Amino acid sequence: MEIAARDSTRIPTVKIVGVLRDPLGIPLANQELEVYINNRLYSKIKTESMGEYTVYYSPEEPRLYEVEIRLQGNAVLKRRVKVGARG
């Protein structure tokens, strides 16, 4: 997973990019993922043809955020990201 911040706003938008793969490394297409931010459902998305997914999140304030991606209720990725204000 890659988390990057765009500099177009005072508080950066977070871009979450990843590829969902099975245990053998084969990309999983058309799978519904749930995106949680700080333990709250933020979005449901589907993977693309090669298992790729992208989510944009615009935080309300600078602080530490916990991002979790779930497949069928099971966490496939969990990261913390610190978002700071630009000034």
PDB file of N, CA and C in Angstrom:
ATOM      1  N   MET A   1       0.843  -1.178   0.000  1.00  0.00           N
ATOM      2  CA  MET A   1       0.000   0.000   0.000  1.00  0.00           C
ATOM      3  C   MET A   1       0.877   1.225   0.000  1.00  0.00           C
ATOM      4  N   GLU A   2       0.462   2.201  -0.733  1.00  0.00           N
ATOM      5  CA  GLU A   2       1.175   3.476  -0.799  1.00  0.00           C
ATOM      6  C   GLU A   2       0.246   4.556  -0.287  1.00  0.00           C
ATOM      7  N   ILE A   3       0.745   5.384   0.599  1.00  0.00           N
ATOM      8  CA  ILE A   3      -0.040   6.526   1.053  1.00  0.00           C
ATOM      9  C   ILE A   3       0.745   7.768   0.704  1.00  0.00           C
ATOM     10  N   ALA A   4       0.141   8.627  -0.064  1.00  0.00           N
ATOM     11  CA  ALA A   4       0.810   9.855  -0.497  1.00  0.00           C
ATOM     12  C   ALA A   4      -0.122  11.019  -0.249  1.00  0.00           C
ATOM     13  N   ALA A   5       0.452  12.181  -0.042  1.00  0.00           N
ATOM     14  CA  ALA A   5      -0.362  13.375   0.196  1.00  0.00           C
ATOM     15  C   ALA A   5      -0.207  14.329  -0.972  1.00  0.00           C
ATOM     16  N   ARG A   6      -1.339  14.846  -1.432  1.00  0.00           N
ATOM     17  CA  ARG A   6      -1.305  15.885  -2.453  1.00  0.00           C
ATOM     18  C   ARG A   6      -1.178  17.225  -1.723  1.00  0.00           C
ATOM     19  N   ASP A   7      -0.578  18.202  -2.357  1.00  0.00           N
ATOM     20  CA  ASP A   7      -0.394  19.478  -1.682  1.00  0.00           C
ATOM     21  C   ASP A   7      -1.384  20.542  -2.133  1.00  0.00           C
ATOM     22  N   SER A   8      -2.564  20.135  -2.592  1.00  0.00           N
ATOM     23  CA  SER A   8      -3.523  21.085  -3.126  1.00  0.00           C
ATOM     24  C   SER A   8      -4.385  21.755  -2.059  1.00  0.00           C
ATOM     25  N   THR A   9      -4.330  21.281  -0.831  1.00  0.00           N
ATOM     26  CA  THR A   9      -5.117  21.873   0.248  1.00  0.00           C
ATOM     27  C   THR A   9      -4.247  22.073   1.472  1.00  0.00           C
ATOM     28  N   ARG A  10      -4.774  22.807   2.425  1.00  0.00           N
ATOM     29  CA  ARG A  10      -4.037  23.026   3.674  1.00  0.00           C
ATOM     30  C   ARG A  10      -3.783  21.705   4.389  1.00  0.00           C
ATOM     31  N   ILE A  11      -4.809  20.870   4.484  1.00  0.00           N
ATOM     32  CA  ILE A  11      -4.643  19.518   5.009  1.00  0.00           C
ATOM     33  C   ILE A  11      -4.623  18.595   3.796  1.00  0.00           C
ATOM     34  N   PRO A  12      -3.555  17.852   3.592  1.00  0.00           N
ATOM     35  CA  PRO A  12      -3.424  17.042   2.363  1.00  0.00           C
ATOM     36  C   PRO A  12      -4.469  15.942   2.245  1.00  0.00           C
ATOM     37  N   THR A  13      -4.825  15.643   1.016  1.00  0.00           N
ATOM     38  CA  THR A  13      -5.679  14.503   0.712  1.00  0.00           C
ATOM     39  C   THR A  13      -4.789  13.264   0.697  1.00  0.00           C
ATOM     40  N   VAL A  14      -5.267  12.194   1.290  1.00  0.00           N
ATOM     41  CA  VAL A  14      -4.507  10.949   1.355  1.00  0.00           C
ATOM     42  C   VAL A  14      -4.961  10.046   0.217  1.00  0.00           C
ATOM     43  N   LYS A  15      -4.014   9.500  -0.520  1.00  0.00           N
ATOM     44  CA  LYS A  15      -4.290   8.569  -1.609  1.00  0.00           C
ATOM     45  C   LYS A  15      -3.816   7.189  -1.173  1.00  0.00           C
ATOM     46  N   ILE A  16      -4.727   6.237  -1.174  1.00  0.00           N
ATOM     47  CA  ILE A  16      -4.417   4.868  -0.779  1.00  0.00           C
ATOM     48  C   ILE A  16      -4.471   4.011  -2.031  1.00  0.00           C
ATOM     49  N   VAL A  17      -3.357   3.407  -2.374  1.00  0.00           N
ATOM     50  CA  VAL A  17      -3.243   2.610  -3.593  1.00  0.00           C
ATOM     51  C   VAL A  17      -2.711   1.228  -3.218  1.00  0.00           C
ATOM     52  N   GLY A  18      -3.293   0.189  -3.802  1.00  0.00           N
ATOM     53  CA  GLY A  18      -2.801  -1.147  -3.509  1.00  0.00           C
ATOM     54  C   GLY A  18      -3.224  -2.143  -4.567  1.00  0.00           C
ATOM     55  N   VAL A  19      -2.750  -3.373  -4.407  1.00  0.00           N
ATOM     56  CA  VAL A  19      -3.116  -4.490  -5.279  1.00  0.00           C
ATOM     57  C   VAL A  19      -3.481  -5.657  -4.372  1.00  0.00           C
ATOM     58  N   LEU A  20      -4.666  -6.202  -4.571  1.00  0.00           N
ATOM     59  CA  LEU A  20      -5.116  -7.353  -3.805  1.00  0.00           C
ATOM     60  C   LEU A  20      -4.682  -8.615  -4.530  1.00  0.00           C
ATOM     61  N   ARG A  21      -3.991  -9.490  -3.791  1.00  0.00           N
ATOM     62  CA  ARG A  21      -3.487 -10.752  -4.370  1.00  0.00           C
ATOM     63  C   ARG A  21      -3.853 -11.920  -3.463  1.00  0.00           C
ATOM     64  N   ASP A  22      -3.979 -13.095  -4.057  1.00  0.00           N
ATOM     65  CA  ASP A  22      -4.217 -14.295  -3.257  1.00  0.00           C
ATOM     66  C   ASP A  22      -2.887 -14.775  -2.671  1.00  0.00           C
ATOM     67  N   PRO A  23      -2.883 -15.826  -1.851  1.00  0.00           N
ATOM     68  CA  PRO A  23      -1.634 -16.296  -1.234  1.00  0.00           C
ATOM     69  C   PRO A  23      -0.538 -16.701  -2.231  1.00  0.00           C
ATOM     70  N   LEU A  24      -0.921 -17.009  -3.471  1.00  0.00           N
ATOM     71  CA  LEU A  24       0.073 -17.370  -4.485  1.00  0.00           C
ATOM     72  C   LEU A  24       0.572 -16.159  -5.272  1.00  0.00           C
ATOM     73  N   GLY A  25       0.042 -14.982  -4.943  1.00  0.00           N
ATOM     74  CA  GLY A  25       0.472 -13.768  -5.626  1.00  0.00           C
ATOM     75  C   GLY A  25      -0.330 -13.409  -6.868  1.00  0.00           C
ATOM     76  N   ILE A  26      -1.416 -14.113  -7.099  1.00  0.00           N
ATOM     77  CA  ILE A  26      -2.257 -13.847  -8.273  1.00  0.00           C
ATOM     78  C   ILE A  26      -3.224 -12.709  -7.942  1.00  0.00           C
ATOM     79  N   PRO A  27      -3.275 -11.674  -8.794  1.00  0.00           N
ATOM     80  CA  PRO A  27      -4.186 -10.557  -8.540  1.00  0.00           C
ATOM     81  C   PRO A  27      -5.650 -11.003  -8.537  1.00  0.00           C
ATOM     82  N   LEU A  28      -6.430 -10.433  -7.625  1.00  0.00           N
ATOM     83  CA  LEU A  28      -7.843 -10.768  -7.499  1.00  0.00           C
ATOM     84  C   LEU A  28      -8.702  -9.625  -8.039  1.00  0.00           C
ATOM     85  N   ALA A  29      -9.339  -9.866  -9.166  1.00  0.00           N
ATOM     86  CA  ALA A  29     -10.180  -8.856  -9.821  1.00  0.00           C
ATOM     87  C   ALA A  29     -11.595  -8.878  -9.276  1.00  0.00           C
ATOM     88  N   ASN A  30     -12.262  -7.724  -9.355  1.00  0.00           N
ATOM     89  CA  ASN A  30     -13.684  -7.591  -9.055  1.00  0.00           C
ATOM     90  C   ASN A  30     -14.056  -8.060  -7.643  1.00  0.00           C
ATOM     91  N   GLN A  31     -13.178  -7.806  -6.688  1.00  0.00           N
ATOM     92  CA  GLN A  31     -13.449  -8.156  -5.295  1.00  0.00           C
ATOM     93  C   GLN A  31     -13.891  -6.906  -4.536  1.00  0.00           C
ATOM     94  N   GLU A  32     -14.944  -7.022  -3.738  1.00  0.00           N
ATOM     95  CA  GLU A  32     -15.405  -5.869  -2.966  1.00  0.00           C
ATOM     96  C   GLU A  32     -14.573  -5.723  -1.696  1.00  0.00           C
ATOM     97  N   LEU A  33     -14.022  -4.546  -1.532  1.00  0.00           N
ATOM     98  CA  LEU A  33     -13.227  -4.217  -0.347  1.00  0.00           C
ATOM     99  C   LEU A  33     -13.955  -3.158   0.459  1.00  0.00           C
ATOM    100  N   GLU A  34     -13.806  -3.237   1.764  1.00  0.00           N
ATOM    101  CA  GLU A  34     -14.324  -2.200   2.648  1.00  0.00           C
ATOM    102  C   GLU A  34     -13.139  -1.419   3.184  1.00  0.00           C
ATOM    103  N   VAL A  35     -13.265  -0.099   3.163  1.00  0.00           N
ATOM    104  CA  VAL A  35     -12.209   0.785   3.643  1.00  0.00           C
ATOM    105  C   VAL A  35     -12.689   1.422   4.943  1.00  0.00           C
ATOM    106  N   TYR A  36     -11.921   1.206   5.998  1.00  0.00           N
ATOM    107  CA  TYR A  36     -12.239   1.782   7.298  1.00  0.00           C
ATOM    108  C   TYR A  36     -11.198   2.835   7.652  1.00  0.00           C
ATOM    109  N   ILE A  37     -11.663   3.957   8.167  1.00  0.00           N
ATOM    110  CA  ILE A  37     -10.796   4.999   8.685  1.00  0.00           C
ATOM    111  C   ILE A  37     -11.144   5.150  10.161  1.00  0.00           C
ATOM    112  N   ASN A  38     -10.157   4.939  11.013  1.00  0.00           N
ATOM    113  CA  ASN A  38     -10.371   5.001  12.470  1.00  0.00           C
ATOM    114  C   ASN A  38     -11.580   4.158  12.899  1.00  0.00           C
ATOM    115  N   ASN A  39     -11.621   2.930  12.416  1.00  0.00           N
ATOM    116  CA  ASN A  39     -12.640   1.930  12.769  1.00  0.00           C
ATOM    117  C   ASN A  39     -14.056   2.277  12.308  1.00  0.00           C
ATOM    118  N   ARG A  40     -14.183   3.211  11.372  1.00  0.00           N
ATOM    119  CA  ARG A  40     -15.490   3.540  10.800  1.00  0.00           C
ATOM    120  C   ARG A  40     -15.469   3.263   9.308  1.00  0.00           C
ATOM    121  N   LEU A  41     -16.539   2.633   8.819  1.00  0.00           N
ATOM    122  CA  LEU A  41     -16.625   2.352   7.390  1.00  0.00           C
ATOM    123  C   LEU A  41     -16.630   3.667   6.622  1.00  0.00           C
ATOM    124  N   TYR A  42     -15.660   3.820   5.733  1.00  0.00           N
ATOM    125  CA  TYR A  42     -15.537   5.027   4.922  1.00  0.00           C
ATOM    126  C   TYR A  42     -16.064   4.794   3.510  1.00  0.00           C
ATOM    127  N   SER A  43     -15.745   3.631   2.930  1.00  0.00           N
ATOM    128  CA  SER A  43     -16.101   3.393   1.534  1.00  0.00           C
ATOM    129  C   SER A  43     -16.074   1.900   1.229  1.00  0.00           C
ATOM    130  N   LYS A  44     -16.857   1.530   0.217  1.00  0.00           N
ATOM    131  CA  LYS A  44     -16.772   0.185  -0.358  1.00  0.00           C
ATOM    132  C   LYS A  44     -16.327   0.373  -1.798  1.00  0.00           C
ATOM    133  N   ILE A  45     -15.341  -0.413  -2.204  1.00  0.00           N
ATOM    134  CA  ILE A  45     -14.799  -0.300  -3.555  1.00  0.00           C
ATOM    135  C   ILE A  45     -14.590  -1.697  -4.125  1.00  0.00           C
ATOM    136  N   LYS A  46     -14.397  -1.768  -5.437  1.00  0.00           N
ATOM    137  CA  LYS A  46     -14.088  -3.049  -6.088  1.00  0.00           C
ATOM    138  C   LYS A  46     -12.718  -2.960  -6.729  1.00  0.00           C
ATOM    139  N   THR A  47     -12.019  -4.081  -6.718  1.00  0.00           N
ATOM    140  CA  THR A  47     -10.713  -4.127  -7.360  1.00  0.00           C
ATOM    141  C   THR A  47     -10.888  -4.133  -8.875  1.00  0.00           C
ATOM    142  N   GLU A  48      -9.881  -3.621  -9.570  1.00  0.00           N
ATOM    143  CA  GLU A  48      -9.876  -3.580 -11.035  1.00  0.00           C
ATOM    144  C   GLU A  48      -9.427  -4.931 -11.588  1.00  0.00           C
ATOM    145  N   SER A  49      -9.216  -4.998 -12.879  1.00  0.00           N
ATOM    146  CA  SER A  49      -8.893  -6.262 -13.562  1.00  0.00           C
ATOM    147  C   SER A  49      -7.608  -6.928 -13.079  1.00  0.00           C
ATOM    148  N   MET A  50      -6.653  -6.148 -12.608  1.00  0.00           N
ATOM    149  CA  MET A  50      -5.397  -6.716 -12.105  1.00  0.00           C
ATOM    150  C   MET A  50      -5.286  -6.581 -10.583  1.00  0.00           C
ATOM    151  N   GLY A  51      -6.435  -6.492  -9.913  1.00  0.00           N
ATOM    152  CA  GLY A  51      -6.474  -6.446  -8.459  1.00  0.00           C
ATOM    153  C   GLY A  51      -6.201  -5.082  -7.845  1.00  0.00           C
ATOM    154  N   GLU A  52      -6.053  -4.038  -8.685  1.00  0.00           N
ATOM    155  CA  GLU A  52      -5.704  -2.715  -8.169  1.00  0.00           C
ATOM    156  C   GLU A  52      -6.911  -2.040  -7.529  1.00  0.00           C
ATOM    157  N   TYR A  53      -6.612  -1.192  -6.537  1.00  0.00           N
ATOM    158  CA  TYR A  53      -7.643  -0.349  -5.950  1.00  0.00           C
ATOM    159  C   TYR A  53      -7.028   0.990  -5.563  1.00  0.00           C
ATOM    160  N   THR A  54      -7.866   2.032  -5.576  1.00  0.00           N
ATOM    161  CA  THR A  54      -7.438   3.379  -5.201  1.00  0.00           C
ATOM    162  C   THR A  54      -8.567   4.033  -4.421  1.00  0.00           C
ATOM    163  N   VAL A  55      -8.204   4.678  -3.322  1.00  0.00           N
ATOM    164  CA  VAL A  55      -9.162   5.407  -2.499  1.00  0.00           C
ATOM    165  C   VAL A  55      -8.541   6.750  -2.148  1.00  0.00           C
ATOM    166  N   TYR A  56      -9.337   7.808  -2.188  1.00  0.00           N
ATOM    167  CA  TYR A  56      -8.907   9.129  -1.748  1.00  0.00           C
ATOM    168  C   TYR A  56      -9.657   9.474  -0.467  1.00  0.00           C
ATOM    169  N   TYR A  57      -8.927  10.016   0.495  1.00  0.00           N
ATOM    170  CA  TYR A  57      -9.528  10.406   1.766  1.00  0.00           C
ATOM    171  C   TYR A  57      -9.061  11.814   2.112  1.00  0.00           C
ATOM    172  N   SER A  58     -10.022  12.677   2.428  1.00  0.00           N
ATOM    173  CA  SER A  58      -9.703  14.060   2.810  1.00  0.00           C
ATOM    174  C   SER A  58      -9.941  14.216   4.308  1.00  0.00           C
ATOM    175  N   PRO A  59      -8.882  14.149   5.107  1.00  0.00           N
ATOM    176  CA  PRO A  59      -9.031  14.258   6.562  1.00  0.00           C
ATOM    177  C   PRO A  59      -9.586  15.620   6.976  1.00  0.00           C
ATOM    178  N   GLU A  60     -10.304  15.620   8.078  1.00  0.00           N
ATOM    179  CA  GLU A  60     -10.876  16.862   8.595  1.00  0.00           C
ATOM    180  C   GLU A  60      -9.866  17.683   9.381  1.00  0.00           C
ATOM    181  N   GLU A  61      -8.870  17.010   9.945  1.00  0.00           N
ATOM    182  CA  GLU A  61      -7.896  17.713  10.771  1.00  0.00           C
ATOM    183  C   GLU A  61      -6.553  16.963  10.753  1.00  0.00           C
ATOM    184  N   PRO A  62      -5.474  17.656  11.054  1.00  0.00           N
ATOM    185  CA  PRO A  62      -4.175  16.989  11.145  1.00  0.00           C
ATOM    186  C   PRO A  62      -4.136  16.089  12.378  1.00  0.00           C
ATOM    187  N   ARG A  63      -3.765  14.842  12.195  1.00  0.00           N
ATOM    188  CA  ARG A  63      -3.617  13.896  13.311  1.00  0.00           C
ATOM    189  C   ARG A  63      -3.233  12.532  12.764  1.00  0.00           C
ATOM    190  N   LEU A  64      -3.184  11.539  13.630  1.00  0.00           N
ATOM    191  CA  LEU A  64      -2.873  10.173  13.241  1.00  0.00           C
ATOM    192  C   LEU A  64      -4.163   9.463  12.849  1.00  0.00           C
ATOM    193  N   TYR A  65      -4.160   8.814  11.673  1.00  0.00           N
ATOM    194  CA  TYR A  65      -5.316   8.078  11.174  1.00  0.00           C
ATOM    195  C   TYR A  65      -4.942   6.621  10.999  1.00  0.00           C
ATOM    196  N   GLU A  66      -5.884   5.738  11.327  1.00  0.00           N
ATOM    197  CA  GLU A  66      -5.696   4.314  11.100  1.00  0.00           C
ATOM    198  C   GLU A  66      -6.538   3.910   9.890  1.00  0.00           C
ATOM    199  N   VAL A  67      -5.891   3.345   8.898  1.00  0.00           N
ATOM    200  CA  VAL A  67      -6.543   2.919   7.664  1.00  0.00           C
ATOM    201  C   VAL A  67      -6.538   1.400   7.637  1.00  0.00           C
ATOM    202  N   GLU A  68      -7.704   0.818   7.384  1.00  0.00           N
ATOM    203  CA  GLU A  68      -7.798  -0.636   7.304  1.00  0.00           C
ATOM    204  C   GLU A  68      -8.604  -1.007   6.059  1.00  0.00           C
ATOM    205  N   ILE A  69      -8.077  -1.968   5.305  1.00  0.00           N
ATOM    206  CA  ILE A  69      -8.759  -2.499   4.125  1.00  0.00           C
ATOM    207  C   ILE A  69      -9.201  -3.913   4.479  1.00  0.00           C
ATOM    208  N   ARG A  70     -10.481  -4.198   4.275  1.00  0.00           N
ATOM    209  CA  ARG A  70     -11.027  -5.518   4.618  1.00  0.00           C
ATOM    210  C   ARG A  70     -11.627  -6.196   3.385  1.00  0.00           C
ATOM    211  N   LEU A  71     -11.439  -7.501   3.324  1.00  0.00           N
ATOM    212  CA  LEU A  71     -12.045  -8.356   2.303  1.00  0.00           C
ATOM    213  C   LEU A  71     -12.889  -9.379   3.043  1.00  0.00           C
ATOM    214  N   GLN A  72     -14.172  -9.390   2.796  1.00  0.00           N
ATOM    215  CA  GLN A  72     -15.110 -10.307   3.452  1.00  0.00           C
ATOM    216  C   GLN A  72     -14.964 -10.250   4.971  1.00  0.00           C
ATOM    217  N   GLY A  73     -14.785  -9.049   5.504  1.00  0.00           N
ATOM    218  CA  GLY A  73     -14.691  -8.840   6.946  1.00  0.00           C
ATOM    219  C   GLY A  73     -13.324  -9.067   7.552  1.00  0.00           C
ATOM    220  N   ASN A  74     -12.380  -9.572   6.770  1.00  0.00           N
ATOM    221  CA  ASN A  74     -11.034  -9.841   7.277  1.00  0.00           C
ATOM    222  C   ASN A  74     -10.064  -8.760   6.822  1.00  0.00           C
ATOM    223  N   ALA A  75      -9.271  -8.279   7.737  1.00  0.00           N
ATOM    224  CA  ALA A  75      -8.299  -7.237   7.406  1.00  0.00           C
ATOM    225  C   ALA A  75      -7.221  -7.800   6.482  1.00  0.00           C
ATOM    226  N   VAL A  76      -7.010  -7.126   5.358  1.00  0.00           N
ATOM    227  CA  VAL A  76      -5.932  -7.507   4.450  1.00  0.00           C
ATOM    228  C   VAL A  76      -4.788  -6.496   4.549  1.00  0.00           C
ATOM    229  N   LEU A  77      -5.087  -5.359   5.144  1.00  0.00           N
ATOM    230  CA  LEU A  77      -4.064  -4.340   5.313  1.00  0.00           C
ATOM    231  C   LEU A  77      -4.488  -3.397   6.424  1.00  0.00           C
ATOM    232  N   LYS A  78      -3.541  -3.006   7.254  1.00  0.00           N
ATOM    233  CA  LYS A  78      -3.817  -2.066   8.335  1.00  0.00           C
ATOM    234  C   LYS A  78      -2.580  -1.198   8.512  1.00  0.00           C
ATOM    235  N   ARG A  79      -2.769   0.107   8.386  1.00  0.00           N
ATOM    236  CA  ARG A  79      -1.652   1.042   8.516  1.00  0.00           C
ATOM    237  C   ARG A  79      -2.092   2.278   9.274  1.00  0.00           C
ATOM    238  N   ARG A  80      -1.137   2.933   9.872  1.00  0.00           N
ATOM    239  CA  ARG A  80      -1.370   4.240  10.487  1.00  0.00           C
ATOM    240  C   ARG A  80      -0.637   5.274   9.674  1.00  0.00           C
ATOM    241  N   VAL A  81      -1.280   6.414   9.490  1.00  0.00           N
ATOM    242  CA  VAL A  81      -0.657   7.493   8.732  1.00  0.00           C
ATOM    243  C   VAL A  81      -0.877   8.791   9.487  1.00  0.00           C
ATOM    244  N   LYS A  82       0.188   9.549   9.605  1.00  0.00           N
ATOM    245  CA  LYS A  82       0.104  10.839  10.275  1.00  0.00           C
ATOM    246  C   LYS A  82      -0.074  11.924   9.209  1.00  0.00           C
ATOM    247  N   VAL A  83      -1.150  12.681   9.351  1.00  0.00           N
ATOM    248  CA  VAL A  83      -1.443  13.749   8.406  1.00  0.00           C
ATOM    249  C   VAL A  83      -1.231  15.071   9.115  1.00  0.00           C
ATOM    250  N   GLY A  84      -0.393  15.904   8.530  1.00  0.00           N
ATOM    251  CA  GLY A  84      -0.116  17.209   9.105  1.00  0.00           C
ATOM    252  C   GLY A  84      -0.597  18.306   8.190  1.00  0.00           C
ATOM    253  N   ALA A  85      -0.855  19.461   8.780  1.00  0.00           N
ATOM    254  CA  ALA A  85      -1.283  20.615   7.983  1.00  0.00           C
ATOM    255  C   ALA A  85      -0.096  21.214   7.263  1.00  0.00           C
ATOM    256  N   ARG A  86      -0.347  21.692   6.060  1.00  0.00           N
ATOM    257  CA  ARG A  86       0.681  22.399   5.311  1.00  0.00           C
ATOM    258  C   ARG A  86       0.553  23.870   5.635  1.00  0.00           C
ATOM    259  N   GLY A  87       1.635  24.544   5.649  1.00  0.00           N
ATOM    260  CA  GLY A  87       1.527  25.947   5.986  1.00  0.00           C
ATOM    261  C   GLY A  87       2.563  26.706   5.343  1.00  0.00           C
TER     262      GLY A  87
END
